[in-house]
Amino acid sequence: MAELRQNMATKEWVIIATERAKRPDAYIEKHKPVITETQLFYDPNCPFCPGNEETELEIERVPAHNGVWQTRVVGNKFPALSQEGIVTRTFDGVHRSITGVGYHEVVVEHPRHNTTLALMKPEEIKVYLQTLYWRGWNIQKDDRIEQVIYFKNHGSAAGASLRHPHSQIIGLPVVPNDIRRRIEEARRYFDDTGHCVYCAMLEDEVRNRVRLVALSKHFVAFVLYAAPAPFHIWIIPRKHSVSFLYSQEDELSDLSHVLRDVLRRLYVGLRDPAFNLIIRTAPAKEISNDYMHWYITIVPRLARSAGFELGSGIFINPSIPEDSAAYLRQIKL
């Protein structure tokens, strides 16, 4: 019989469709024509490949000298928001608007065209994480910014328009309602119990271990108990921390290993699936509370939403989270 499960952090319900659940290996994209490592090492038409850099858009590079770089940060050529201007709000009772002021940056993760985080060395991933970290702090210093969003789209099914490995950072002049709702649920759980809901969830996963994917000194990676889609994974710091920007050097080093491990299991086990990666962190001006807890979400794009999901807000997951986690754990890297 199918089972409805609730995510305690978001209060969202999902249907785990056990009677029509697929085996985990049924999600392998066996007929995928091209996987990342079989692409060209260098693409002469790619604006992110070395030698093709659009220097007028460059914000910074690591290392900072003009020679070989490991990561680059560039302004988005077609930004969703404008860095210039002041925040102006209007509201007449039924119409509300705000000027589209903010930041929209692209982090080029590696010079090589045919790689991704799953194929990179841990020390290369750490440089990438440090780049996100420092750009986040720089953007957050701007008083106009209320929320910084860090995300990666890998593969066309996840919304990536360019193959070269890259992520994006957007600084918003508002806190999105989805994030506000998560904050309120976290606050409610803290008021009721005196504990962080995310700490409670990760402790449960470490204790039971049936949905664990990876475990390290500083991080826990697991398929969600109430996963809204196949192989939906959270990576949570084991130490309570409200913001990604509070991460310490040794934590970023540890995270680089965990992130590579988890993404490599997906890459090998599901043959380089498209995925979205999001760093969920506290709003810029709310980074000192007891109830928020930052984490990373990884969502392989293996299923599609349809009318029921749009009409109810409840997702149907045609996979069993415990089986998905067990499958990933047994992958030989």
C-alpha atoms as a PDB file:
ATOM      1  CA  MET A   1       0.000   0.000   0.000  1.00  0.00           C
ATOM      2  CA  ALA A   2       1.182   3.540  -0.777  1.00  0.00           C
ATOM      3  CA  GLU A   3       2.278   5.675   2.169  1.00  0.00           C
ATOM      4  CA  LEU A   4       2.026   9.405   2.831  1.00  0.00           C
ATOM      5  CA  ARG A   5       5.105  10.779   4.574  1.00  0.00           C
ATOM      6  CA  GLN A   6       5.649  14.278   5.968  1.00  0.00           C
ATOM      7  CA  ASN A   7       8.867  16.276   6.006  1.00  0.00           C
ATOM      8  CA  MET A   8       9.044  17.648   9.563  1.00  0.00           C
ATOM      9  CA  ALA A   9      11.154  20.641   8.501  1.00  0.00           C
ATOM     10  CA  THR A  10       8.806  21.867   5.764  1.00  0.00           C
ATOM     11  CA  LYS A  11       5.535  20.118   6.748  1.00  0.00           C
ATOM     12  CA  GLU A  12       5.171  19.047   3.101  1.00  0.00           C
ATOM     13  CA  TRP A  13       3.490  15.703   2.398  1.00  0.00           C
ATOM     14  CA  VAL A  14       4.648  13.248  -0.260  1.00  0.00           C
ATOM     15  CA  ILE A  15       3.153   9.998  -1.504  1.00  0.00           C
ATOM     16  CA  ILE A  16       5.620   7.117  -1.605  1.00  0.00           C
ATOM     17  CA  ALA A  17       3.998   5.035  -4.335  1.00  0.00           C
ATOM     18  CA  THR A  18       5.230   1.633  -3.152  1.00  0.00           C
ATOM     19  CA  GLU A  19       2.942  -0.397  -5.431  1.00  0.00           C
ATOM     20  CA  ARG A  20       4.328   1.177  -8.580  1.00  0.00           C
ATOM     21  CA  ALA A  21       7.825   1.919  -7.279  1.00  0.00           C
ATOM     22  CA  LYS A  22      10.682   1.240  -9.664  1.00  0.00           C
ATOM     23  CA  ARG A  23      13.887  -0.523  -8.738  1.00  0.00           C
ATOM     24  CA  PRO A  24      16.651   2.047  -8.126  1.00  0.00           C
ATOM     25  CA  ASP A  25      18.647   0.849 -11.131  1.00  0.00           C
ATOM     26  CA  ALA A  26      15.607   1.496 -13.351  1.00  0.00           C
ATOM     27  CA  TYR A  27      16.548   5.189 -13.194  1.00  0.00           C
ATOM     28  CA  ILE A  28      19.869   4.631 -14.955  1.00  0.00           C
ATOM     29  CA  GLU A  29      19.812   6.611 -18.195  1.00  0.00           C
ATOM     30  CA  LYS A  30      21.096   3.716 -20.278  1.00  0.00           C
ATOM     31  CA  HIS A  31      20.517   5.391 -23.633  1.00  0.00           C
ATOM     32  CA  LYS A  32      21.854   8.814 -22.708  1.00  0.00           C
ATOM     33  CA  PRO A  33      23.867   9.829 -25.795  1.00  0.00           C
ATOM     34  CA  VAL A  34      26.624  11.845 -24.093  1.00  0.00           C
ATOM     35  CA  ILE A  35      27.904  11.880 -20.521  1.00  0.00           C
ATOM     36  CA  THR A  36      30.120  14.624 -19.168  1.00  0.00           C
ATOM     37  CA  GLU A  37      33.525  12.911 -19.336  1.00  0.00           C
ATOM     38  CA  THR A  38      33.040  11.908 -23.007  1.00  0.00           C
ATOM     39  CA  GLN A  39      32.568  15.509 -24.146  1.00  0.00           C
ATOM     40  CA  LEU A  40      35.306  17.722 -25.565  1.00  0.00           C
ATOM     41  CA  PHE A  41      38.071  18.713 -23.149  1.00  0.00           C
ATOM     42  CA  TYR A  42      37.958  22.199 -24.690  1.00  0.00           C
ATOM     43  CA  ASP A  43      35.247  23.915 -26.722  1.00  0.00           C
ATOM     44  CA  PRO A  44      36.444  26.855 -28.852  1.00  0.00           C
ATOM     45  CA  ASN A  45      32.912  28.312 -28.753  1.00  0.00           C
ATOM     46  CA  CYS A  46      32.468  28.107 -24.989  1.00  0.00           C
ATOM     47  CA  PRO A  47      32.777  31.469 -23.195  1.00  0.00           C
ATOM     48  CA  PHE A  48      33.931  29.700 -20.014  1.00  0.00           C
ATOM     49  CA  CYS A  49      36.862  27.792 -21.540  1.00  0.00           C
ATOM     50  CA  PRO A  50      40.374  29.255 -21.043  1.00  0.00           C
ATOM     51  CA  GLY A  51      41.297  31.609 -23.852  1.00  0.00           C
ATOM     52  CA  ASN A  52      37.653  32.491 -24.564  1.00  0.00           C
ATOM     53  CA  GLU A  53      37.090  34.520 -21.393  1.00  0.00           C
ATOM     54  CA  GLU A  54      34.803  37.533 -21.707  1.00  0.00           C
ATOM     55  CA  THR A  55      37.028  39.654 -19.486  1.00  0.00           C
ATOM     56  CA  GLU A  56      34.646  42.608 -19.399  1.00  0.00           C
ATOM     57  CA  LEU A  57      32.272  40.444 -17.328  1.00  0.00           C
ATOM     58  CA  GLU A  58      34.920  39.075 -14.959  1.00  0.00           C
ATOM     59  CA  ILE A  59      34.528  39.885 -11.265  1.00  0.00           C
ATOM     60  CA  GLU A  60      37.376  37.793  -9.895  1.00  0.00           C
ATOM     61  CA  ARG A  61      39.478  34.719 -10.544  1.00  0.00           C
ATOM     62  CA  VAL A  62      41.224  32.231  -8.278  1.00  0.00           C
ATOM     63  CA  PRO A  63      44.217  32.364  -8.158  1.00  0.00           C
ATOM     64  CA  ALA A  64      44.070  36.126  -8.598  1.00  0.00           C
ATOM     65  CA  HIS A  65      46.935  36.493 -11.107  1.00  0.00           C
ATOM     66  CA  ASN A  66      46.226  36.649 -14.843  1.00  0.00           C
ATOM     67  CA  GLY A  67      47.634  33.225 -15.700  1.00  0.00           C
ATOM     68  CA  VAL A  68      46.088  29.796 -15.131  1.00  0.00           C
ATOM     69  CA  TRP A  69      42.927  29.970 -13.028  1.00  0.00           C
ATOM     70  CA  GLN A  70      41.033  27.366 -11.010  1.00  0.00           C
ATOM     71  CA  THR A  71      37.692  29.182 -10.684  1.00  0.00           C
ATOM     72  CA  ARG A  72      36.328  32.400 -12.135  1.00  0.00           C
ATOM     73  CA  VAL A  73      33.390  34.592 -11.143  1.00  0.00           C
ATOM     74  CA  VAL A  74      31.706  36.549 -13.923  1.00  0.00           C
ATOM     75  CA  GLY A  75      28.613  38.671 -14.184  1.00  0.00           C
ATOM     76  CA  ASN A  76      25.727  36.889 -15.883  1.00  0.00           C
ATOM     77  CA  LYS A  77      25.528  38.112 -19.474  1.00  0.00           C
ATOM     78  CA  PHE A  78      21.732  38.221 -19.205  1.00  0.00           C
ATOM     79  CA  PRO A  79      21.191  39.007 -15.496  1.00  0.00           C
ATOM     80  CA  ALA A  80      17.842  38.523 -13.813  1.00  0.00           C
ATOM     81  CA  LEU A  81      18.566  41.548 -11.591  1.00  0.00           C
ATOM     82  CA  SER A  82      20.527  44.782 -11.932  1.00  0.00           C
ATOM     83  CA  GLN A  83      23.347  45.653  -9.552  1.00  0.00           C
ATOM     84  CA  GLU A  84      22.713  49.379 -10.002  1.00  0.00           C
ATOM     85  CA  GLY A  85      19.838  51.263  -8.427  1.00  0.00           C
ATOM     86  CA  ILE A  86      17.977  51.637  -5.176  1.00  0.00           C
ATOM     87  CA  VAL A  87      15.300  49.411  -3.696  1.00  0.00           C
ATOM     88  CA  THR A  88      11.921  51.049  -4.254  1.00  0.00           C
ATOM     89  CA  ARG A  89       8.704  49.412  -3.082  1.00  0.00           C
ATOM     90  CA  THR A  90       5.203  50.172  -4.311  1.00  0.00           C
ATOM     91  CA  PHE A  91       1.874  48.862  -3.024  1.00  0.00           C
ATOM     92  CA  ASP A  92      -1.628  50.137  -3.750  1.00  0.00           C
ATOM     93  CA  GLY A  93      -3.655  47.475  -1.931  1.00  0.00           C
ATOM     94  CA  VAL A  94      -3.752  44.871  -4.704  1.00  0.00           C
ATOM     95  CA  HIS A  95      -0.551  45.484  -6.672  1.00  0.00           C
ATOM     96  CA  ARG A  96       2.844  45.125  -5.030  1.00  0.00           C
ATOM     97  CA  SER A  97       6.208  45.559  -6.743  1.00  0.00           C
ATOM     98  CA  ILE A  98       9.839  46.222  -5.977  1.00  0.00           C
ATOM     99  CA  THR A  99      12.655  47.381  -8.242  1.00  0.00           C
ATOM    100  CA  GLY A 100      14.721  44.514  -9.641  1.00  0.00           C
ATOM    101  CA  VAL A 101      17.923  45.383  -7.813  1.00  0.00           C
ATOM    102  CA  GLY A 102      20.371  42.639  -6.889  1.00  0.00           C
ATOM    103  CA  TYR A 103      23.248  40.445  -8.026  1.00  0.00           C
ATOM    104  CA  HIS A 104      23.438  37.676 -10.602  1.00  0.00           C
ATOM    105  CA  GLU A 105      26.838  36.033 -10.882  1.00  0.00           C
ATOM    106  CA  VAL A 106      28.210  32.873 -12.483  1.00  0.00           C
ATOM    107  CA  VAL A 107      30.925  30.770 -10.840  1.00  0.00           C
ATOM    108  CA  VAL A 108      32.940  28.843 -13.430  1.00  0.00           C
ATOM    109  CA  GLU A 109      33.920  25.777 -11.438  1.00  0.00           C
ATOM    110  CA  HIS A 110      36.894  24.481 -13.431  1.00  0.00           C
ATOM    111  CA  PRO A 111      38.918  25.329 -16.556  1.00  0.00           C
ATOM    112  CA  ARG A 112      38.140  21.936 -18.114  1.00  0.00           C
ATOM    113  CA  HIS A 113      35.004  21.783 -20.241  1.00  0.00           C
ATOM    114  CA  ASN A 114      34.241  18.089 -19.745  1.00  0.00           C
ATOM    115  CA  THR A 115      34.146  17.791 -15.989  1.00  0.00           C
ATOM    116  CA  THR A 116      31.714  18.198 -13.132  1.00  0.00           C
ATOM    117  CA  LEU A 117      31.933  18.109  -9.334  1.00  0.00           C
ATOM    118  CA  ALA A 118      31.639  14.308  -9.368  1.00  0.00           C
ATOM    119  CA  LEU A 119      34.839  14.086 -11.444  1.00  0.00           C
ATOM    120  CA  MET A 120      36.864  16.815  -9.744  1.00  0.00           C
ATOM    121  CA  LYS A 121      39.465  16.329  -7.003  1.00  0.00           C
ATOM    122  CA  PRO A 122      38.425  17.237  -3.437  1.00  0.00           C
ATOM    123  CA  GLU A 123      40.962  20.073  -3.355  1.00  0.00           C
ATOM    124  CA  GLU A 124      39.418  21.513  -6.543  1.00  0.00           C
ATOM    125  CA  ILE A 125      35.940  21.287  -5.037  1.00  0.00           C
ATOM    126  CA  LYS A 126      37.207  23.073  -1.941  1.00  0.00           C
ATOM    127  CA  VAL A 127      38.396  26.010  -4.082  1.00  0.00           C
ATOM    128  CA  TYR A 128      34.926  26.083  -5.653  1.00  0.00           C
ATOM    129  CA  LEU A 129      33.258  26.109  -2.212  1.00  0.00           C
ATOM    130  CA  GLN A 130      35.606  28.840  -1.003  1.00  0.00           C
ATOM    131  CA  THR A 131      34.694  30.914  -4.054  1.00  0.00           C
ATOM    132  CA  LEU A 132      30.990  30.593  -3.212  1.00  0.00           C
ATOM    133  CA  TYR A 133      31.785  31.454   0.396  1.00  0.00           C
ATOM    134  CA  TRP A 134      33.699  34.663  -0.330  1.00  0.00           C
ATOM    135  CA  ARG A 135      31.311  35.871  -3.004  1.00  0.00           C
ATOM    136  CA  GLY A 136      28.433  35.246  -0.599  1.00  0.00           C
ATOM    137  CA  TRP A 137      30.068  37.408   2.069  1.00  0.00           C
ATOM    138  CA  ASN A 138      30.788  40.185  -0.442  1.00  0.00           C
ATOM    139  CA  ILE A 139      27.219  40.223  -1.746  1.00  0.00           C
ATOM    140  CA  GLN A 140      25.726  40.001   1.725  1.00  0.00           C
ATOM    141  CA  LYS A 141      27.576  43.173   2.789  1.00  0.00           C
ATOM    142  CA  ASP A 142      25.248  45.136   0.502  1.00  0.00           C
ATOM    143  CA  ASP A 143      22.410  46.467   2.670  1.00  0.00           C
ATOM    144  CA  ARG A 144      19.988  46.118  -0.237  1.00  0.00           C
ATOM    145  CA  ILE A 145      20.333  42.328  -0.222  1.00  0.00           C
ATOM    146  CA  GLU A 146      18.001  40.201   1.919  1.00  0.00           C
ATOM    147  CA  GLN A 147      18.738  36.685   0.598  1.00  0.00           C
ATOM    148  CA  VAL A 148      21.607  35.029  -1.273  1.00  0.00           C
ATOM    149  CA  ILE A 149      20.734  31.973  -3.383  1.00  0.00           C
ATOM    150  CA  TYR A 150      23.493  29.557  -4.439  1.00  0.00           C
ATOM    151  CA  PHE A 151      22.559  26.959  -7.046  1.00  0.00           C
ATOM    152  CA  LYS A 152      23.902  24.662  -9.748  1.00  0.00           C
ATOM    153  CA  ASN A 153      22.024  23.285 -12.754  1.00  0.00           C
ATOM    154  CA  HIS A 154      23.701  20.234 -14.285  1.00  0.00           C
ATOM    155  CA  GLY A 155      22.294  18.964 -17.571  1.00  0.00           C
ATOM    156  CA  SER A 156      19.628  20.369 -19.869  1.00  0.00           C
ATOM    157  CA  ALA A 157      16.814  18.660 -17.950  1.00  0.00           C
ATOM    158  CA  ALA A 158      17.895  20.666 -14.889  1.00  0.00           C
ATOM    159  CA  GLY A 159      17.933  23.967 -16.772  1.00  0.00           C
ATOM    160  CA  ALA A 160      21.616  24.257 -17.732  1.00  0.00           C
ATOM    161  CA  SER A 161      22.066  26.176 -20.993  1.00  0.00           C
ATOM    162  CA  LEU A 162      25.864  25.690 -21.122  1.00  0.00           C
ATOM    163  CA  ARG A 163      27.747  22.401 -20.646  1.00  0.00           C
ATOM    164  CA  HIS A 164      30.848  23.900 -19.018  1.00  0.00           C
ATOM    165  CA  PRO A 165      30.676  23.270 -15.231  1.00  0.00           C
ATOM    166  CA  HIS A 166      29.287  26.344 -13.524  1.00  0.00           C
ATOM    167  CA  SER A 167      27.045  27.494 -10.692  1.00  0.00           C
ATOM    168  CA  GLN A 168      25.153  30.712 -10.077  1.00  0.00           C
ATOM    169  CA  ILE A 169      24.708  33.135  -7.191  1.00  0.00           C
ATOM    170  CA  ILE A 170      21.746  35.503  -6.991  1.00  0.00           C
ATOM    171  CA  GLY A 171      21.409  38.232  -4.372  1.00  0.00           C
ATOM    172  CA  LEU A 172      17.757  39.201  -3.863  1.00  0.00           C
ATOM    173  CA  PRO A 173      16.213  42.333  -2.322  1.00  0.00           C
ATOM    174  CA  VAL A 174      13.521  40.137  -0.724  1.00  0.00           C
ATOM    175  CA  VAL A 175      13.338  36.856   1.181  1.00  0.00           C
ATOM    176  CA  PRO A 176      11.325  34.434  -0.991  1.00  0.00           C
ATOM    177  CA  ASN A 177       8.085  33.093   0.472  1.00  0.00           C
ATOM    178  CA  ASP A 178       9.327  29.489   0.226  1.00  0.00           C
ATOM    179  CA  ILE A 179      12.250  30.365   2.496  1.00  0.00           C
ATOM    180  CA  ARG A 180       9.999  32.357   4.848  1.00  0.00           C
ATOM    181  CA  ARG A 181       7.719  29.334   5.185  1.00  0.00           C
ATOM    182  CA  ARG A 182      10.657  27.073   6.047  1.00  0.00           C
ATOM    183  CA  ILE A 183      11.856  29.578   8.643  1.00  0.00           C
ATOM    184  CA  GLU A 184       8.424  29.691  10.261  1.00  0.00           C
ATOM    185  CA  GLU A 185       8.198  25.899  10.438  1.00  0.00           C
ATOM    186  CA  ALA A 186      11.680  25.720  11.985  1.00  0.00           C
ATOM    187  CA  ARG A 187      10.736  28.385  14.521  1.00  0.00           C
ATOM    188  CA  ARG A 188       7.485  26.583  15.366  1.00  0.00           C
ATOM    189  CA  TYR A 189       9.314  23.290  15.967  1.00  0.00           C
ATOM    190  CA  PHE A 190      11.867  25.073  18.156  1.00  0.00           C
ATOM    191  CA  ASP A 191       9.122  26.770  20.172  1.00  0.00           C
ATOM    192  CA  ASP A 192       7.365  23.414  20.675  1.00  0.00           C
ATOM    193  CA  THR A 193      10.404  21.298  21.532  1.00  0.00           C
ATOM    194  CA  GLY A 194      13.343  23.604  22.306  1.00  0.00           C
ATOM    195  CA  HIS A 195      15.361  21.853  19.566  1.00  0.00           C
ATOM    196  CA  CYS A 196      16.359  22.463  15.944  1.00  0.00           C
ATOM    197  CA  VAL A 197      14.242  20.328  13.609  1.00  0.00           C
ATOM    198  CA  TYR A 198      17.179  19.788  11.237  1.00  0.00           C
ATOM    199  CA  CYS A 199      19.405  18.576  14.084  1.00  0.00           C
ATOM    200  CA  ALA A 200      16.622  16.181  15.095  1.00  0.00           C
ATOM    201  CA  MET A 201      16.325  14.871  11.534  1.00  0.00           C
ATOM    202  CA  LEU A 202      20.050  14.297  11.039  1.00  0.00           C
ATOM    203  CA  GLU A 203      20.366  12.595  14.437  1.00  0.00           C
ATOM    204  CA  ASP A 204      17.541  10.255  13.459  1.00  0.00           C
ATOM    205  CA  GLU A 205      19.239   9.431  10.151  1.00  0.00           C
ATOM    206  CA  VAL A 206      22.586   8.717  11.846  1.00  0.00           C
ATOM    207  CA  ARG A 207      20.845   6.517  14.422  1.00  0.00           C
ATOM    208  CA  ASN A 208      18.772   4.485  11.950  1.00  0.00           C
ATOM    209  CA  ARG A 209      21.221   4.549   8.985  1.00  0.00           C
ATOM    210  CA  VAL A 210      18.721   3.123   6.501  1.00  0.00           C
ATOM    211  CA  ARG A 211      18.698   6.275   4.355  1.00  0.00           C
ATOM    212  CA  LEU A 212      22.338   7.314   4.849  1.00  0.00           C
ATOM    213  CA  VAL A 213      24.450   7.900   1.760  1.00  0.00           C
ATOM    214  CA  ALA A 214      27.603   9.350   3.342  1.00  0.00           C
ATOM    215  CA  LEU A 215      28.784  10.205   6.840  1.00  0.00           C
ATOM    216  CA  SER A 216      31.851  12.231   7.830  1.00  0.00           C
ATOM    217  CA  LYS A 217      33.198  14.136  10.810  1.00  0.00           C
ATOM    218  CA  HIS A 218      31.239  17.274   9.924  1.00  0.00           C
ATOM    219  CA  PHE A 219      28.422  16.245   7.533  1.00  0.00           C
ATOM    220  CA  VAL A 220      25.601  13.759   7.049  1.00  0.00           C
ATOM    221  CA  ALA A 221      24.199  12.964   3.597  1.00  0.00           C
ATOM    222  CA  PHE A 222      20.935  11.048   3.302  1.00  0.00           C
ATOM    223  CA  VAL A 223      17.947  10.423   1.064  1.00  0.00           C
ATOM    224  CA  LEU A 224      14.999  12.162   2.702  1.00  0.00           C
ATOM    225  CA  TYR A 225      12.462  10.059   4.592  1.00  0.00           C
ATOM    226  CA  ALA A 226       9.769  12.094   2.807  1.00  0.00           C
ATOM    227  CA  ALA A 227      11.691  12.480  -0.455  1.00  0.00           C
ATOM    228  CA  PRO A 228       9.479  14.265  -3.002  1.00  0.00           C
ATOM    229  CA  ALA A 229      11.379  12.673  -5.908  1.00  0.00           C
ATOM    230  CA  PRO A 230      13.745   9.734  -6.535  1.00  0.00           C
ATOM    231  CA  PHE A 231      17.180  10.103  -4.885  1.00  0.00           C
ATOM    232  CA  HIS A 232      16.346  13.498  -3.334  1.00  0.00           C
ATOM    233  CA  ILE A 233      19.319  14.075  -0.999  1.00  0.00           C
ATOM    234  CA  TRP A 234      20.171  16.474   1.810  1.00  0.00           C
ATOM    235  CA  ILE A 235      23.711  17.143   3.053  1.00  0.00           C
ATOM    236  CA  ILE A 236      23.548  18.710   6.536  1.00  0.00           C
ATOM    237  CA  PRO A 237      26.338  19.933   8.827  1.00  0.00           C
ATOM    238  CA  ARG A 238      26.394  17.877  12.023  1.00  0.00           C
ATOM    239  CA  LYS A 239      27.178  20.974  14.082  1.00  0.00           C
ATOM    240  CA  HIS A 240      24.237  23.362  14.373  1.00  0.00           C
ATOM    241  CA  SER A 241      24.868  26.353  12.111  1.00  0.00           C
ATOM    242  CA  VAL A 242      22.350  28.735  10.568  1.00  0.00           C
ATOM    243  CA  SER A 243      24.438  29.933   7.637  1.00  0.00           C
ATOM    244  CA  PHE A 244      26.786  28.499   5.022  1.00  0.00           C
ATOM    245  CA  LEU A 245      28.854  31.644   5.623  1.00  0.00           C
ATOM    246  CA  TYR A 246      29.736  30.437   9.136  1.00  0.00           C
ATOM    247  CA  SER A 247      31.580  27.415   7.704  1.00  0.00           C
ATOM    248  CA  GLN A 248      35.143  26.907   8.942  1.00  0.00           C
ATOM    249  CA  GLU A 249      38.155  25.914   6.841  1.00  0.00           C
ATOM    250  CA  ASP A 250      38.185  22.300   8.027  1.00  0.00           C
ATOM    251  CA  GLU A 251      34.436  22.028   7.436  1.00  0.00           C
ATOM    252  CA  LEU A 252      34.777  23.162   3.825  1.00  0.00           C
ATOM    253  CA  SER A 253      37.586  20.617   3.357  1.00  0.00           C
ATOM    254  CA  ASP A 254      35.366  17.877   4.751  1.00  0.00           C
ATOM    255  CA  LEU A 255      32.408  19.034   2.658  1.00  0.00           C
ATOM    256  CA  SER A 256      34.468  18.832  -0.524  1.00  0.00           C
ATOM    257  CA  HIS A 257      35.015  15.100   0.118  1.00  0.00           C
ATOM    258  CA  VAL A 258      31.377  14.442   1.025  1.00  0.00           C
ATOM    259  CA  LEU A 259      30.043  16.391  -1.961  1.00  0.00           C
ATOM    260  CA  ARG A 260      32.329  14.511  -4.336  1.00  0.00           C
ATOM    261  CA  ASP A 261      31.373  11.175  -2.787  1.00  0.00           C
ATOM    262  CA  VAL A 262      27.618  11.775  -3.051  1.00  0.00           C
ATOM    263  CA  LEU A 263      27.699  13.255  -6.550  1.00  0.00           C
ATOM    264  CA  ARG A 264      30.053  10.541  -7.783  1.00  0.00           C
ATOM    265  CA  ARG A 265      27.661   7.863  -6.538  1.00  0.00           C
ATOM    266  CA  LEU A 266      24.891   9.535  -8.530  1.00  0.00           C
ATOM    267  CA  TYR A 267      27.181   9.953 -11.552  1.00  0.00           C
ATOM    268  CA  VAL A 268      28.294   6.308 -11.567  1.00  0.00           C
ATOM    269  CA  GLY A 269      25.091   4.745 -10.287  1.00  0.00           C
ATOM    270  CA  LEU A 270      22.658   6.642 -12.535  1.00  0.00           C
ATOM    271  CA  ARG A 271      24.986   7.453 -15.466  1.00  0.00           C
ATOM    272  CA  ASP A 272      25.458  11.178 -15.027  1.00  0.00           C
ATOM    273  CA  PRO A 273      21.867  12.302 -14.367  1.00  0.00           C
ATOM    274  CA  ALA A 274      20.775  15.915 -14.656  1.00  0.00           C
ATOM    275  CA  PHE A 275      20.423  17.480 -11.222  1.00  0.00           C
ATOM    276  CA  ASN A 276      19.899  20.710  -9.326  1.00  0.00           C
ATOM    277  CA  LEU A 277      22.036  21.560  -6.309  1.00  0.00           C
ATOM    278  CA  ILE A 278      20.963  24.319  -3.907  1.00  0.00           C
ATOM    279  CA  ILE A 279      22.643  25.660  -0.787  1.00  0.00           C
ATOM    280  CA  ARG A 280      19.805  26.566   1.571  1.00  0.00           C
ATOM    281  CA  THR A 281      21.013  29.133   4.060  1.00  0.00           C
ATOM    282  CA  ALA A 282      19.584  31.793   6.357  1.00  0.00           C
ATOM    283  CA  PRO A 283      18.584  35.240   5.055  1.00  0.00           C
ATOM    284  CA  ALA A 284      21.353  37.839   5.012  1.00  0.00           C
ATOM    285  CA  LYS A 285      19.990  39.731   8.010  1.00  0.00           C
ATOM    286  CA  GLU A 286      18.859  36.717  10.026  1.00  0.00           C
ATOM    287  CA  ILE A 287      22.059  34.774  10.646  1.00  0.00           C
ATOM    288  CA  SER A 288      21.860  34.674  14.434  1.00  0.00           C
ATOM    289  CA  ASN A 289      19.061  32.417  15.646  1.00  0.00           C
ATOM    290  CA  ASP A 290      18.713  28.995  17.260  1.00  0.00           C
ATOM    291  CA  TYR A 291      16.246  27.338  14.909  1.00  0.00           C
ATOM    292  CA  MET A 292      17.589  27.652  11.342  1.00  0.00           C
ATOM    293  CA  HIS A 293      20.174  25.186  10.011  1.00  0.00           C
ATOM    294  CA  TRP A 294      21.836  25.461   6.605  1.00  0.00           C
ATOM    295  CA  TYR A 295      22.080  22.470   4.289  1.00  0.00           C
ATOM    296  CA  ILE A 296      22.555  21.396   0.669  1.00  0.00           C
ATOM    297  CA  THR A 297      19.788  19.895  -1.442  1.00  0.00           C
ATOM    298  CA  ILE A 298      20.590  17.663  -4.433  1.00  0.00           C
ATOM    299  CA  VAL A 299      17.641  16.870  -6.709  1.00  0.00           C
ATOM    300  CA  PRO A 300      18.293  14.473  -9.633  1.00  0.00           C
ATOM    301  CA  ARG A 301      15.807  15.253 -12.398  1.00  0.00           C
ATOM    302  CA  LEU A 302      14.430  11.740 -12.809  1.00  0.00           C
ATOM    303  CA  ALA A 303      10.694  12.380 -12.542  1.00  0.00           C
ATOM    304  CA  ARG A 304       8.260  15.026 -13.764  1.00  0.00           C
ATOM    305  CA  SER A 305       5.558  16.940 -11.962  1.00  0.00           C
ATOM    306  CA  ALA A 306       2.078  16.904 -13.456  1.00  0.00           C
ATOM    307  CA  GLY A 307      -1.446  18.056 -12.681  1.00  0.00           C
ATOM    308  CA  PHE A 308      -1.799  16.351  -9.309  1.00  0.00           C
ATOM    309  CA  GLU A 309       1.391  17.945  -7.968  1.00  0.00           C
ATOM    310  CA  LEU A 310       0.363  21.362  -9.264  1.00  0.00           C
ATOM    311  CA  GLY A 311      -3.136  21.003  -7.871  1.00  0.00           C
ATOM    312  CA  SER A 312      -2.240  19.647  -4.439  1.00  0.00           C
ATOM    313  CA  GLY A 313       1.344  20.601  -3.702  1.00  0.00           C
ATOM    314  CA  ILE A 314       1.900  16.926  -2.860  1.00  0.00           C
ATOM    315  CA  PHE A 315       4.510  15.058  -4.879  1.00  0.00           C
ATOM    316  CA  ILE A 316       4.238  11.396  -5.852  1.00  0.00           C
ATOM    317  CA  ASN A 317       7.578   9.636  -5.509  1.00  0.00           C
ATOM    318  CA  PRO A 318       7.732   6.393  -7.538  1.00  0.00           C
ATOM    319  CA  SER A 319      10.762   5.183  -5.565  1.00  0.00           C
ATOM    320  CA  ILE A 320      11.354   4.024  -2.015  1.00  0.00           C
ATOM    321  CA  PRO A 321      13.882   6.287  -0.208  1.00  0.00           C
ATOM    322  CA  GLU A 322      15.423   3.432   1.789  1.00  0.00           C
ATOM    323  CA  ASP A 323      16.034   1.444  -1.428  1.00  0.00           C
ATOM    324  CA  SER A 324      17.512   4.504  -3.178  1.00  0.00           C
ATOM    325  CA  ALA A 325      19.977   5.063  -0.330  1.00  0.00           C
ATOM    326  CA  ALA A 326      20.949   1.386  -0.207  1.00  0.00           C
ATOM    327  CA  TYR A 327      21.587   1.424  -3.951  1.00  0.00           C
ATOM    328  CA  LEU A 328      23.876   4.451  -3.705  1.00  0.00           C
ATOM    329  CA  ARG A 329      25.804   2.988  -0.758  1.00  0.00           C
ATOM    330  CA  GLN A 330      26.700  -0.151  -2.715  1.00  0.00           C
ATOM    331  CA  ILE A 331      28.066   1.747  -5.732  1.00  0.00           C
ATOM    332  CA  LYS A 332      31.767   0.927  -6.264  1.00  0.00           C
ATOM    333  CA  LEU A 333      33.713   4.164  -6.769  1.00  0.00           C
END
